[in-house]
Amino acid sequence: RKYHPDVNPGDKKAEEEFKKVNAAFEILS
């Protein structure tokens, strides 16, 4: 929710963090 692109439009750094969060969850879940 914090880094979702809809919450941070145009924020590339937030977009990268969002991708890392998804990748981490894919493995740890």
mmCIF file of all heavy atoms, coordinates in Angstrom:
data_MODEL
# 
_entry.id   MODEL 
# 
loop_
_atom_site.group_PDB 
_atom_site.id 
_atom_site.type_symbol 
_atom_site.label_atom_id 
_atom_site.label_alt_id 
_atom_site.label_comp_id 
_atom_site.label_asym_id 
_atom_site.label_entity_id 
_atom_site.label_seq_id 
_atom_site.pdbx_PDB_ins_code 
_atom_site.Cartn_x 
_atom_site.Cartn_y 
_atom_site.Cartn_z 
_atom_site.occupancy 
_atom_site.B_iso_or_equiv 
_atom_site.pdbx_formal_charge 
_atom_site.auth_seq_id 
_atom_site.auth_comp_id 
_atom_site.auth_asym_id 
_atom_site.auth_atom_id 
_atom_site.pdbx_PDB_model_num 
ATOM 1   N N   . ARG A 1 1  ? 0.834  -1.211  0.000   1.00 0.00 ? 1  ARG A N   1 
ATOM 2   C CA  . ARG A 1 1  ? 0.000  0.000   0.000   1.00 0.00 ? 1  ARG A CA  1 
ATOM 3   C C   . ARG A 1 1  ? 0.870  1.264   0.000   1.00 0.00 ? 1  ARG A C   1 
ATOM 4   O O   . ARG A 1 1  ? 0.567  2.244   -0.669  1.00 0.00 ? 1  ARG A O   1 
ATOM 5   C CB  . ARG A 1 1  ? -0.920 0.006   1.233   1.00 0.00 ? 1  ARG A CB  1 
ATOM 6   C CG  . ARG A 1 1  ? -2.096 -0.921  1.142   1.00 0.00 ? 1  ARG A CG  1 
ATOM 7   C CD  . ARG A 1 1  ? -3.128 -0.604  2.202   1.00 0.00 ? 1  ARG A CD  1 
ATOM 8   N NE  . ARG A 1 1  ? -2.601 -0.767  3.557   1.00 0.00 ? 1  ARG A NE  1 
ATOM 9   C CZ  . ARG A 1 1  ? -2.671 -1.867  4.258   1.00 0.00 ? 1  ARG A CZ  1 
ATOM 10  N NH1 . ARG A 1 1  ? -3.268 -2.938  3.751   1.00 0.00 ? 1  ARG A NH1 1 
ATOM 11  N NH2 . ARG A 1 1  ? -2.164 -1.932  5.484   1.00 0.00 ? 1  ARG A NH2 1 
ATOM 12  N N   . LYS A 1 2  ? 1.964  1.212   0.756   1.00 0.00 ? 2  LYS A N   1 
ATOM 13  C CA  . LYS A 1 2  ? 2.839  2.388   0.867   1.00 0.00 ? 2  LYS A CA  1 
ATOM 14  C C   . LYS A 1 2  ? 3.493  2.739   -0.460  1.00 0.00 ? 2  LYS A C   1 
ATOM 15  O O   . LYS A 1 2  ? 3.590  3.921   -0.825  1.00 0.00 ? 2  LYS A O   1 
ATOM 16  C CB  . LYS A 1 2  ? 3.911  2.121   1.921   1.00 0.00 ? 2  LYS A CB  1 
ATOM 17  C CG  . LYS A 1 2  ? 4.910  3.261   2.089   1.00 0.00 ? 2  LYS A CG  1 
ATOM 18  C CD  . LYS A 1 2  ? 5.936  2.922   3.157   1.00 0.00 ? 2  LYS A CD  1 
ATOM 19  C CE  . LYS A 1 2  ? 6.971  4.043   3.293   1.00 0.00 ? 2  LYS A CE  1 
ATOM 20  N NZ  . LYS A 1 2  ? 7.992  3.701   4.332   1.00 0.00 ? 2  LYS A NZ  1 
ATOM 21  N N   . TYR A 1 3  ? 3.943  1.723   -1.203  1.00 0.00 ? 3  TYR A N   1 
ATOM 22  C CA  . TYR A 1 3  ? 4.719  1.980   -2.414  1.00 0.00 ? 3  TYR A CA  1 
ATOM 23  C C   . TYR A 1 3  ? 3.932  1.781   -3.713  1.00 0.00 ? 3  TYR A C   1 
ATOM 24  O O   . TYR A 1 3  ? 4.495  1.900   -4.794  1.00 0.00 ? 3  TYR A O   1 
ATOM 25  C CB  . TYR A 1 3  ? 5.947  1.058   -2.445  1.00 0.00 ? 3  TYR A CB  1 
ATOM 26  C CG  . TYR A 1 3  ? 6.928  1.325   -1.342  1.00 0.00 ? 3  TYR A CG  1 
ATOM 27  C CD1 . TYR A 1 3  ? 7.180  0.367   -0.360  1.00 0.00 ? 3  TYR A CD1 1 
ATOM 28  C CD2 . TYR A 1 3  ? 7.616  2.534   -1.275  1.00 0.00 ? 3  TYR A CD2 1 
ATOM 29  C CE1 . TYR A 1 3  ? 8.078  0.604   0.672   1.00 0.00 ? 3  TYR A CE1 1 
ATOM 30  C CE2 . TYR A 1 3  ? 8.524  2.776   -0.246  1.00 0.00 ? 3  TYR A CE2 1 
ATOM 31  C CZ  . TYR A 1 3  ? 8.751  1.817   0.720   1.00 0.00 ? 3  TYR A CZ  1 
ATOM 32  O OH  . TYR A 1 3  ? 9.655  2.065   1.726   1.00 0.00 ? 3  TYR A OH  1 
ATOM 33  N N   . HIS A 1 4  ? 2.647  1.474   -3.603  1.00 0.00 ? 4  HIS A N   1 
ATOM 34  C CA  . HIS A 1 4  ? 1.871  1.202   -4.818  1.00 0.00 ? 4  HIS A CA  1 
ATOM 35  C C   . HIS A 1 4  ? 1.894  2.420   -5.751  1.00 0.00 ? 4  HIS A C   1 
ATOM 36  O O   . HIS A 1 4  ? 1.766  3.569   -5.307  1.00 0.00 ? 4  HIS A O   1 
ATOM 37  C CB  . HIS A 1 4  ? 0.425  0.860   -4.454  1.00 0.00 ? 4  HIS A CB  1 
ATOM 38  C CG  . HIS A 1 4  ? -0.302 0.169   -5.559  1.00 0.00 ? 4  HIS A CG  1 
ATOM 39  N ND1 . HIS A 1 4  ? -0.776 0.822   -6.666  1.00 0.00 ? 4  HIS A ND1 1 
ATOM 40  C CD2 . HIS A 1 4  ? -0.618 -1.146  -5.728  1.00 0.00 ? 4  HIS A CD2 1 
ATOM 41  C CE1 . HIS A 1 4  ? -1.369 -0.035  -7.473  1.00 0.00 ? 4  HIS A CE1 1 
ATOM 42  N NE2 . HIS A 1 4  ? -1.283 -1.245  -6.924  1.00 0.00 ? 4  HIS A NE2 1 
ATOM 43  N N   . PRO A 1 5  ? 2.088  2.182   -7.056  1.00 0.00 ? 5  PRO A N   1 
ATOM 44  C CA  . PRO A 1 5  ? 2.153  3.286   -8.030  1.00 0.00 ? 5  PRO A CA  1 
ATOM 45  C C   . PRO A 1 5  ? 0.936  4.193   -8.032  1.00 0.00 ? 5  PRO A C   1 
ATOM 46  O O   . PRO A 1 5  ? 1.047  5.387   -8.350  1.00 0.00 ? 5  PRO A O   1 
ATOM 47  C CB  . PRO A 1 5  ? 2.298  2.553   -9.370  1.00 0.00 ? 5  PRO A CB  1 
ATOM 48  C CG  . PRO A 1 5  ? 2.958  1.261   -9.011  1.00 0.00 ? 5  PRO A CG  1 
ATOM 49  C CD  . PRO A 1 5  ? 2.396  0.883   -7.688  1.00 0.00 ? 5  PRO A CD  1 
ATOM 50  N N   . ASP A 1 6  ? -0.224 3.650   -7.680  1.00 0.00 ? 6  ASP A N   1 
ATOM 51  C CA  . ASP A 1 6  ? -1.418 4.487   -7.643  1.00 0.00 ? 6  ASP A CA  1 
ATOM 52  C C   . ASP A 1 6  ? -1.345 5.515   -6.516  1.00 0.00 ? 6  ASP A C   1 
ATOM 53  O O   . ASP A 1 6  ? -1.950 6.585   -6.591  1.00 0.00 ? 6  ASP A O   1 
ATOM 54  C CB  . ASP A 1 6  ? -2.668 3.617   -7.453  1.00 0.00 ? 6  ASP A CB  1 
ATOM 55  C CG  . ASP A 1 6  ? -2.973 2.802   -8.700  1.00 0.00 ? 6  ASP A CG  1 
ATOM 56  O OD1 . ASP A 1 6  ? -2.377 3.090   -9.751  1.00 0.00 ? 6  ASP A OD1 1 
ATOM 57  O OD2 . ASP A 1 6  ? -3.794 1.865   -8.610  1.00 0.00 ? 6  ASP A OD2 1 
ATOM 58  N N   . VAL A 1 7  ? -0.620 5.166   -5.467  1.00 0.00 ? 7  VAL A N   1 
ATOM 59  C CA  . VAL A 1 7  ? -0.445 6.081   -4.338  1.00 0.00 ? 7  VAL A CA  1 
ATOM 60  C C   . VAL A 1 7  ? 0.722  7.037   -4.588  1.00 0.00 ? 7  VAL A C   1 
ATOM 61  O O   . VAL A 1 7  ? 0.767  8.148   -4.046  1.00 0.00 ? 7  VAL A O   1 
ATOM 62  C CB  . VAL A 1 7  ? -0.196 5.278   -3.035  1.00 0.00 ? 7  VAL A CB  1 
ATOM 63  C CG1 . VAL A 1 7  ? -0.024 6.207   -1.839  1.00 0.00 ? 7  VAL A CG1 1 
ATOM 64  C CG2 . VAL A 1 7  ? -1.338 4.305   -2.790  1.00 0.00 ? 7  VAL A CG2 1 
ATOM 65  N N   . ASN A 1 8  ? 1.659  6.606   -5.440  1.00 0.00 ? 8  ASN A N   1 
ATOM 66  C CA  . ASN A 1 8  ? 2.862  7.410   -5.730  1.00 0.00 ? 8  ASN A CA  1 
ATOM 67  C C   . ASN A 1 8  ? 3.023  7.598   -7.231  1.00 0.00 ? 8  ASN A C   1 
ATOM 68  O O   . ASN A 1 8  ? 3.996  7.108   -7.833  1.00 0.00 ? 8  ASN A O   1 
ATOM 69  C CB  . ASN A 1 8  ? 4.109  6.711   -5.160  1.00 0.00 ? 8  ASN A CB  1 
ATOM 70  C CG  . ASN A 1 8  ? 3.995  6.391   -3.695  1.00 0.00 ? 8  ASN A CG  1 
ATOM 71  O OD1 . ASN A 1 8  ? 4.290  7.214   -2.843  1.00 0.00 ? 8  ASN A OD1 1 
ATOM 72  N ND2 . ASN A 1 8  ? 3.561  5.164   -3.385  1.00 0.00 ? 8  ASN A ND2 1 
ATOM 73  N N   . PRO A 1 9  ? 2.088  8.258   -7.883  1.00 0.00 ? 9  PRO A N   1 
ATOM 74  C CA  . PRO A 1 9  ? 2.162  8.403   -9.350  1.00 0.00 ? 9  PRO A CA  1 
ATOM 75  C C   . PRO A 1 9  ? 3.430  9.137   -9.792  1.00 0.00 ? 9  PRO A C   1 
ATOM 76  O O   . PRO A 1 9  ? 3.770  10.192  -9.263  1.00 0.00 ? 9  PRO A O   1 
ATOM 77  C CB  . PRO A 1 9  ? 0.901  9.221   -9.679  1.00 0.00 ? 9  PRO A CB  1 
ATOM 78  C CG  . PRO A 1 9  ? 0.531  9.908   -8.408  1.00 0.00 ? 9  PRO A CG  1 
ATOM 79  C CD  . PRO A 1 9  ? 0.938  8.984   -7.303  1.00 0.00 ? 9  PRO A CD  1 
ATOM 80  N N   . GLY A 1 10 ? 4.138  8.511   -10.740 1.00 0.00 ? 10 GLY A N   1 
ATOM 81  C CA  . GLY A 1 10 ? 5.341  9.135   -11.289 1.00 0.00 ? 10 GLY A CA  1 
ATOM 82  C C   . GLY A 1 10 ? 6.570  9.009   -10.426 1.00 0.00 ? 10 GLY A C   1 
ATOM 83  O O   . GLY A 1 10 ? 7.648  9.492   -10.799 1.00 0.00 ? 10 GLY A O   1 
ATOM 84  N N   . ASP A 1 11 ? 6.471  8.352   -9.277  1.00 0.00 ? 11 ASP A N   1 
ATOM 85  C CA  . ASP A 1 11 ? 7.608  8.212   -8.365  1.00 0.00 ? 11 ASP A CA  1 
ATOM 86  C C   . ASP A 1 11 ? 8.360  6.916   -8.705  1.00 0.00 ? 11 ASP A C   1 
ATOM 87  O O   . ASP A 1 11 ? 7.942  5.823   -8.343  1.00 0.00 ? 11 ASP A O   1 
ATOM 88  C CB  . ASP A 1 11 ? 7.113  8.168   -6.917  1.00 0.00 ? 11 ASP A CB  1 
ATOM 89  C CG  . ASP A 1 11 ? 8.267  8.235   -5.909  1.00 0.00 ? 11 ASP A CG  1 
ATOM 90  O OD1 . ASP A 1 11 ? 9.382  7.822   -6.254  1.00 0.00 ? 11 ASP A OD1 1 
ATOM 91  O OD2 . ASP A 1 11 ? 8.023  8.676   -4.770  1.00 0.00 ? 11 ASP A OD2 1 
ATOM 92  N N   . LYS A 1 12 ? 9.473  7.049   -9.412  1.00 0.00 ? 12 LYS A N   1 
ATOM 93  C CA  . LYS A 1 12 ? 10.241 5.883   -9.860  1.00 0.00 ? 12 LYS A CA  1 
ATOM 94  C C   . LYS A 1 12 ? 10.824 5.094   -8.687  1.00 0.00 ? 12 LYS A C   1 
ATOM 95  O O   . LYS A 1 12 ? 10.904 3.867   -8.726  1.00 0.00 ? 12 LYS A O   1 
ATOM 96  C CB  . LYS A 1 12 ? 11.368 6.319   -10.804 1.00 0.00 ? 12 LYS A CB  1 
ATOM 97  C CG  . LYS A 1 12 ? 10.884 6.878   -12.132 1.00 0.00 ? 12 LYS A CG  1 
ATOM 98  C CD  . LYS A 1 12 ? 10.170 5.796   -12.937 1.00 0.00 ? 12 LYS A CD  1 
ATOM 99  C CE  . LYS A 1 12 ? 9.717  6.312   -14.288 1.00 0.00 ? 12 LYS A CE  1 
ATOM 100 N NZ  . LYS A 1 12 ? 8.978  5.262   -15.045 1.00 0.00 ? 12 LYS A NZ  1 
ATOM 101 N N   . LYS A 1 13 ? 11.256 5.818   -7.662  1.00 0.00 ? 13 LYS A N   1 
ATOM 102 C CA  . LYS A 1 13 ? 11.841 5.144   -6.503  1.00 0.00 ? 13 LYS A CA  1 
ATOM 103 C C   . LYS A 1 13 ? 10.798 4.270   -5.805  1.00 0.00 ? 13 LYS A C   1 
ATOM 104 O O   . LYS A 1 13 ? 11.075 3.131   -5.415  1.00 0.00 ? 13 LYS A O   1 
ATOM 105 C CB  . LYS A 1 13 ? 12.407 6.167   -5.520  1.00 0.00 ? 13 LYS A CB  1 
ATOM 106 C CG  . LYS A 1 13 ? 13.151 5.549   -4.355  1.00 0.00 ? 13 LYS A CG  1 
ATOM 107 C CD  . LYS A 1 13 ? 13.787 6.617   -3.475  1.00 0.00 ? 13 LYS A CD  1 
ATOM 108 C CE  . LYS A 1 13 ? 14.544 5.969   -2.305  1.00 0.00 ? 13 LYS A CE  1 
ATOM 109 N NZ  . LYS A 1 13 ? 15.173 6.982   -1.422  1.00 0.00 ? 13 LYS A NZ  1 
ATOM 110 N N   . ALA A 1 14 ? 9.589  4.807   -5.659  1.00 0.00 ? 14 ALA A N   1 
ATOM 111 C CA  . ALA A 1 14 ? 8.507  4.035   -5.033  1.00 0.00 ? 14 ALA A CA  1 
ATOM 112 C C   . ALA A 1 14 ? 8.146  2.833   -5.901  1.00 0.00 ? 14 ALA A C   1 
ATOM 113 O O   . ALA A 1 14 ? 7.855  1.740   -5.389  1.00 0.00 ? 14 ALA A O   1 
ATOM 114 C CB  . ALA A 1 14 ? 7.279  4.916   -4.823  1.00 0.00 ? 14 ALA A CB  1 
ATOM 115 N N   . GLU A 1 15 ? 8.201  3.023   -7.204  1.00 0.00 ? 15 GLU A N   1 
ATOM 116 C CA  . GLU A 1 15 ? 7.901  1.922   -8.127  1.00 0.00 ? 15 GLU A CA  1 
ATOM 117 C C   . GLU A 1 15 ? 8.905  0.781   -7.969  1.00 0.00 ? 15 GLU A C   1 
ATOM 118 O O   . GLU A 1 15 ? 8.533  -0.398  -7.958  1.00 0.00 ? 15 GLU A O   1 
ATOM 119 C CB  . GLU A 1 15 ? 7.914  2.434   -9.564  1.00 0.00 ? 15 GLU A CB  1 
ATOM 120 C CG  . GLU A 1 15 ? 7.549  1.380   -10.598 1.00 0.00 ? 15 GLU A CG  1 
ATOM 121 C CD  . GLU A 1 15 ? 7.526  1.934   -12.008 1.00 0.00 ? 15 GLU A CD  1 
ATOM 122 O OE1 . GLU A 1 15 ? 7.453  3.179   -12.166 1.00 0.00 ? 15 GLU A OE1 1 
ATOM 123 O OE2 . GLU A 1 15 ? 7.603  1.125   -12.953 1.00 0.00 ? 15 GLU A OE2 1 
ATOM 124 N N   . GLU A 1 16 ? 10.185 1.135   -7.824  1.00 0.00 ? 16 GLU A N   1 
ATOM 125 C CA  . GLU A 1 16 ? 11.222 0.115   -7.635  1.00 0.00 ? 16 GLU A CA  1 
ATOM 126 C C   . GLU A 1 16 ? 11.033 -0.609  -6.300  1.00 0.00 ? 16 GLU A C   1 
ATOM 127 O O   . GLU A 1 16 ? 11.207 -1.826  -6.207  1.00 0.00 ? 16 GLU A O   1 
ATOM 128 C CB  . GLU A 1 16 ? 12.619 0.751   -7.700  1.00 0.00 ? 16 GLU A CB  1 
ATOM 129 C CG  . GLU A 1 16 ? 13.027 1.209   -9.089  1.00 0.00 ? 16 GLU A CG  1 
ATOM 130 C CD  . GLU A 1 16 ? 13.012 0.071   -10.096 1.00 0.00 ? 16 GLU A CD  1 
ATOM 131 O OE1 . GLU A 1 16 ? 13.517 -1.027  -9.759  1.00 0.00 ? 16 GLU A OE1 1 
ATOM 132 O OE2 . GLU A 1 16 ? 12.500 0.267   -11.207 1.00 0.00 ? 16 GLU A OE2 1 
ATOM 133 N N   . GLU A 1 17 ? 10.682 0.163   -5.258  1.00 0.00 ? 17 GLU A N   1 
ATOM 134 C CA  . GLU A 1 17 ? 10.445 -0.452  -3.957  1.00 0.00 ? 17 GLU A CA  1 
ATOM 135 C C   . GLU A 1 17 ? 9.249  -1.401  -4.022  1.00 0.00 ? 17 GLU A C   1 
ATOM 136 O O   . GLU A 1 17 ? 9.257  -2.475  -3.412  1.00 0.00 ? 17 GLU A O   1 
ATOM 137 C CB  . GLU A 1 17 ? 10.189 0.628   -2.898  1.00 0.00 ? 17 GLU A CB  1 
ATOM 138 C CG  . GLU A 1 17 ? 11.405 1.450   -2.531  1.00 0.00 ? 17 GLU A CG  1 
ATOM 139 C CD  . GLU A 1 17 ? 12.496 0.614   -1.887  1.00 0.00 ? 17 GLU A CD  1 
ATOM 140 O OE1 . GLU A 1 17 ? 12.170 -0.351  -1.154  1.00 0.00 ? 17 GLU A OE1 1 
ATOM 141 O OE2 . GLU A 1 17 ? 13.683 0.907   -2.128  1.00 0.00 ? 17 GLU A OE2 1 
ATOM 142 N N   . PHE A 1 18 ? 8.223  -1.017  -4.770  1.00 0.00 ? 18 PHE A N   1 
ATOM 143 C CA  . PHE A 1 18 ? 7.033  -1.848  -4.939  1.00 0.00 ? 18 PHE A CA  1 
ATOM 144 C C   . PHE A 1 18 ? 7.398  -3.178  -5.596  1.00 0.00 ? 18 PHE A C   1 
ATOM 145 O O   . PHE A 1 18 ? 6.925  -4.247  -5.188  1.00 0.00 ? 18 PHE A O   1 
ATOM 146 C CB  . PHE A 1 18 ? 5.997  -1.101  -5.779  1.00 0.00 ? 18 PHE A CB  1 
ATOM 147 C CG  . PHE A 1 18 ? 4.705  -1.849  -5.974  1.00 0.00 ? 18 PHE A CG  1 
ATOM 148 C CD1 . PHE A 1 18 ? 3.814  -2.010  -4.926  1.00 0.00 ? 18 PHE A CD1 1 
ATOM 149 C CD2 . PHE A 1 18 ? 4.386  -2.387  -7.207  1.00 0.00 ? 18 PHE A CD2 1 
ATOM 150 C CE1 . PHE A 1 18 ? 2.616  -2.697  -5.100  1.00 0.00 ? 18 PHE A CE1 1 
ATOM 151 C CE2 . PHE A 1 18 ? 3.194  -3.080  -7.392  1.00 0.00 ? 18 PHE A CE2 1 
ATOM 152 C CZ  . PHE A 1 18 ? 2.316  -3.233  -6.335  1.00 0.00 ? 18 PHE A CZ  1 
ATOM 153 N N   . LYS A 1 19 ? 8.279  -3.119  -6.599  1.00 0.00 ? 19 LYS A N   1 
ATOM 154 C CA  . LYS A 1 19 ? 8.720  -4.340  -7.277  1.00 0.00 ? 19 LYS A CA  1 
ATOM 155 C C   . LYS A 1 19 ? 9.512  -5.230  -6.326  1.00 0.00 ? 19 LYS A C   1 
ATOM 156 O O   . LYS A 1 19 ? 9.350  -6.456  -6.326  1.00 0.00 ? 19 LYS A O   1 
ATOM 157 C CB  . LYS A 1 19 ? 9.566  -3.987  -8.503  1.00 0.00 ? 19 LYS A CB  1 
ATOM 158 C CG  . LYS A 1 19 ? 8.787  -3.324  -9.635  1.00 0.00 ? 19 LYS A CG  1 
ATOM 159 C CD  . LYS A 1 19 ? 9.713  -2.951  -10.784 1.00 0.00 ? 19 LYS A CD  1 
ATOM 160 C CE  . LYS A 1 19 ? 8.941  -2.268  -11.910 1.00 0.00 ? 19 LYS A CE  1 
ATOM 161 N NZ  . LYS A 1 19 ? 9.847  -1.852  -13.020 1.00 0.00 ? 19 LYS A NZ  1 
ATOM 162 N N   . LYS A 1 20 ? 10.388 -4.623  -5.518  1.00 0.00 ? 20 LYS A N   1 
ATOM 163 C CA  . LYS A 1 20 ? 11.189 -5.408  -4.572  1.00 0.00 ? 20 LYS A CA  1 
ATOM 164 C C   . LYS A 1 20 ? 10.307 -6.068  -3.515  1.00 0.00 ? 20 LYS A C   1 
ATOM 165 O O   . LYS A 1 20 ? 10.532 -7.213  -3.121  1.00 0.00 ? 20 LYS A O   1 
ATOM 166 C CB  . LYS A 1 20 ? 12.237 -4.505  -3.897  1.00 0.00 ? 20 LYS A CB  1 
ATOM 167 C CG  . LYS A 1 20 ? 13.374 -4.086  -4.824  1.00 0.00 ? 20 LYS A CG  1 
ATOM 168 C CD  . LYS A 1 20 ? 14.576 -3.578  -4.051  1.00 0.00 ? 20 LYS A CD  1 
ATOM 169 C CE  . LYS A 1 20 ? 14.281 -2.286  -3.322  1.00 0.00 ? 20 LYS A CE  1 
ATOM 170 N NZ  . LYS A 1 20 ? 15.516 -1.749  -2.659  1.00 0.00 ? 20 LYS A NZ  1 
ATOM 171 N N   . VAL A 1 21 ? 9.285  -5.340  -3.072  1.00 0.00 ? 21 VAL A N   1 
ATOM 172 C CA  . VAL A 1 21 ? 8.364  -5.883  -2.070  1.00 0.00 ? 21 VAL A CA  1 
ATOM 173 C C   . VAL A 1 21 ? 7.622  -7.092  -2.635  1.00 0.00 ? 21 VAL A C   1 
ATOM 174 O O   . VAL A 1 21 ? 7.468  -8.124  -1.971  1.00 0.00 ? 21 VAL A O   1 
ATOM 175 C CB  . VAL A 1 21 ? 7.377  -4.792  -1.612  1.00 0.00 ? 21 VAL A CB  1 
ATOM 176 C CG1 . VAL A 1 21 ? 6.191  -5.410  -0.874  1.00 0.00 ? 21 VAL A CG1 1 
ATOM 177 C CG2 . VAL A 1 21 ? 8.072  -3.776  -0.719  1.00 0.00 ? 21 VAL A CG2 1 
ATOM 178 N N   . ASN A 1 22 ? 7.171  -6.979  -3.882  1.00 0.00 ? 22 ASN A N   1 
ATOM 179 C CA  . ASN A 1 22 ? 6.463  -8.099  -4.520  1.00 0.00 ? 22 ASN A CA  1 
ATOM 180 C C   . ASN A 1 22 ? 7.375  -9.308  -4.688  1.00 0.00 ? 22 ASN A C   1 
ATOM 181 O O   . ASN A 1 22 ? 6.962  -10.448 -4.462  1.00 0.00 ? 22 ASN A O   1 
ATOM 182 C CB  . ASN A 1 22 ? 5.919  -7.662  -5.889  1.00 0.00 ? 22 ASN A CB  1 
ATOM 183 C CG  . ASN A 1 22 ? 4.580  -6.958  -5.784  1.00 0.00 ? 22 ASN A CG  1 
ATOM 184 O OD1 . ASN A 1 22 ? 3.647  -7.468  -5.185  1.00 0.00 ? 22 ASN A OD1 1 
ATOM 185 N ND2 . ASN A 1 22 ? 4.478  -5.785  -6.366  1.00 0.00 ? 22 ASN A ND2 1 
ATOM 186 N N   . ALA A 1 23 ? 8.625  -9.059  -5.120  1.00 0.00 ? 23 ALA A N   1 
ATOM 187 C CA  . ALA A 1 23 ? 9.573  -10.154 -5.320  1.00 0.00 ? 23 ALA A CA  1 
ATOM 188 C C   . ALA A 1 23 ? 9.894  -10.848 -3.992  1.00 0.00 ? 23 ALA A C   1 
ATOM 189 O O   . ALA A 1 23 ? 9.994  -12.076 -3.934  1.00 0.00 ? 23 ALA A O   1 
ATOM 190 C CB  . ALA A 1 23 ? 10.852 -9.625  -5.963  1.00 0.00 ? 23 ALA A CB  1 
ATOM 191 N N   . ALA A 1 24 ? 10.042 -10.060 -2.918  1.00 0.00 ? 24 ALA A N   1 
ATOM 192 C CA  . ALA A 1 24 ? 10.334 -10.634 -1.612  1.00 0.00 ? 24 ALA A CA  1 
ATOM 193 C C   . ALA A 1 24 ? 9.168  -11.485 -1.107  1.00 0.00 ? 24 ALA A C   1 
ATOM 194 O O   . ALA A 1 24 ? 9.360  -12.592 -0.583  1.00 0.00 ? 24 ALA A O   1 
ATOM 195 C CB  . ALA A 1 24 ? 10.641 -9.522  -0.611  1.00 0.00 ? 24 ALA A CB  1 
ATOM 196 N N   . PHE A 1 25 ? 7.959  -10.982 -1.294  1.00 0.00 ? 25 PHE A N   1 
ATOM 197 C CA  . PHE A 1 25 ? 6.779  -11.712 -0.824  1.00 0.00 ? 25 PHE A CA  1 
ATOM 198 C C   . PHE A 1 25 ? 6.591  -13.010 -1.602  1.00 0.00 ? 25 PHE A C   1 
ATOM 199 O O   . PHE A 1 25 ? 6.173  -14.031 -1.039  1.00 0.00 ? 25 PHE A O   1 
ATOM 200 C CB  . PHE A 1 25 ? 5.537  -10.836 -0.949  1.00 0.00 ? 25 PHE A CB  1 
ATOM 201 C CG  . PHE A 1 25 ? 4.281  -11.498 -0.451  1.00 0.00 ? 25 PHE A CG  1 
ATOM 202 C CD1 . PHE A 1 25 ? 4.089  -11.721 0.906   1.00 0.00 ? 25 PHE A CD1 1 
ATOM 203 C CD2 . PHE A 1 25 ? 3.296  -11.906 -1.337  1.00 0.00 ? 25 PHE A CD2 1 
ATOM 204 C CE1 . PHE A 1 25 ? 2.931  -12.345 1.373   1.00 0.00 ? 25 PHE A CE1 1 
ATOM 205 C CE2 . PHE A 1 25 ? 2.142  -12.532 -0.878  1.00 0.00 ? 25 PHE A CE2 1 
ATOM 206 C CZ  . PHE A 1 25 ? 1.964  -12.746 0.476   1.00 0.00 ? 25 PHE A CZ  1 
ATOM 207 N N   . GLU A 1 26 ? 6.905  -12.983 -2.900  1.00 0.00 ? 26 GLU A N   1 
ATOM 208 C CA  . GLU A 1 26 ? 6.764  -14.184 -3.730  1.00 0.00 ? 26 GLU A CA  1 
ATOM 209 C C   . GLU A 1 26 ? 7.582  -15.342 -3.152  1.00 0.00 ? 26 GLU A C   1 
ATOM 210 O O   . GLU A 1 26 ? 7.157  -16.491 -3.166  1.00 0.00 ? 26 GLU A O   1 
ATOM 211 C CB  . GLU A 1 26 ? 7.231  -13.899 -5.162  1.00 0.00 ? 26 GLU A CB  1 
ATOM 212 C CG  . GLU A 1 26 ? 7.150  -15.117 -6.073  1.00 0.00 ? 26 GLU A CG  1 
ATOM 213 C CD  . GLU A 1 26 ? 7.814  -14.884 -7.416  1.00 0.00 ? 26 GLU A CD  1 
ATOM 214 O OE1 . GLU A 1 26 ? 8.249  -13.754 -7.691  1.00 0.00 ? 26 GLU A OE1 1 
ATOM 215 O OE2 . GLU A 1 26 ? 7.910  -15.860 -8.178  1.00 0.00 ? 26 GLU A OE2 1 
ATOM 216 N N   . ILE A 1 27 ? 8.757  -15.038 -2.622  1.00 0.00 ? 27 ILE A N   1 
ATOM 217 C CA  . ILE A 1 27 ? 9.635  -16.078 -2.074  1.00 0.00 ? 27 ILE A CA  1 
ATOM 218 C C   . ILE A 1 27 ? 9.272  -16.412 -0.631  1.00 0.00 ? 27 ILE A C   1 
ATOM 219 O O   . ILE A 1 27 ? 9.125  -17.586 -0.266  1.00 0.00 ? 27 ILE A O   1 
ATOM 220 C CB  . ILE A 1 27 ? 11.113 -15.636 -2.182  1.00 0.00 ? 27 ILE A CB  1 
ATOM 221 C CG1 . ILE A 1 27 ? 11.516 -15.546 -3.655  1.00 0.00 ? 27 ILE A CG1 1 
ATOM 222 C CG2 . ILE A 1 27 ? 12.029 -16.593 -1.424  1.00 0.00 ? 27 ILE A CG2 1 
ATOM 223 C CD1 . ILE A 1 27 ? 12.880 -14.938 -3.883  1.00 0.00 ? 27 ILE A CD1 1 
ATOM 224 N N   . LEU A 1 28 ? 9.118  -15.399 0.208   1.00 0.00 ? 28 LEU A N   1 
ATOM 225 C CA  . LEU A 1 28 ? 8.895  -15.647 1.632   1.00 0.00 ? 28 LEU A CA  1 
ATOM 226 C C   . LEU A 1 28 ? 7.501  -16.170 1.953   1.00 0.00 ? 28 LEU A C   1 
ATOM 227 O O   . LEU A 1 28 ? 7.276  -16.712 3.036   1.00 0.00 ? 28 LEU A O   1 
ATOM 228 C CB  . LEU A 1 28 ? 9.159  -14.362 2.433   1.00 0.00 ? 28 LEU A CB  1 
ATOM 229 C CG  . LEU A 1 28 ? 10.587 -13.814 2.343   1.00 0.00 ? 28 LEU A CG  1 
ATOM 230 C CD1 . LEU A 1 28 ? 10.742 -12.609 3.261   1.00 0.00 ? 28 LEU A CD1 1 
ATOM 231 C CD2 . LEU A 1 28 ? 11.608 -14.883 2.701   1.00 0.00 ? 28 LEU A CD2 1 
ATOM 232 N N   . SER A 1 29 ? 6.562  -16.032 1.026   1.00 0.00 ? 29 SER A N   1 
ATOM 233 C CA  . SER A 1 29 ? 5.217  -16.563 1.251   1.00 0.00 ? 29 SER A CA  1 
ATOM 234 C C   . SER A 1 29 ? 5.109  -18.024 0.832   1.00 0.00 ? 29 SER A C   1 
ATOM 235 O O   . SER A 1 29 ? 4.102  -18.684 1.109   1.00 0.00 ? 29 SER A O   1 
ATOM 236 C CB  . SER A 1 29 ? 4.177  -15.735 0.473   1.00 0.00 ? 29 SER A CB  1 
ATOM 237 O OG  . SER A 1 29 ? 4.405  -15.824 -0.925  1.00 0.00 ? 29 SER A OG  1 
# 
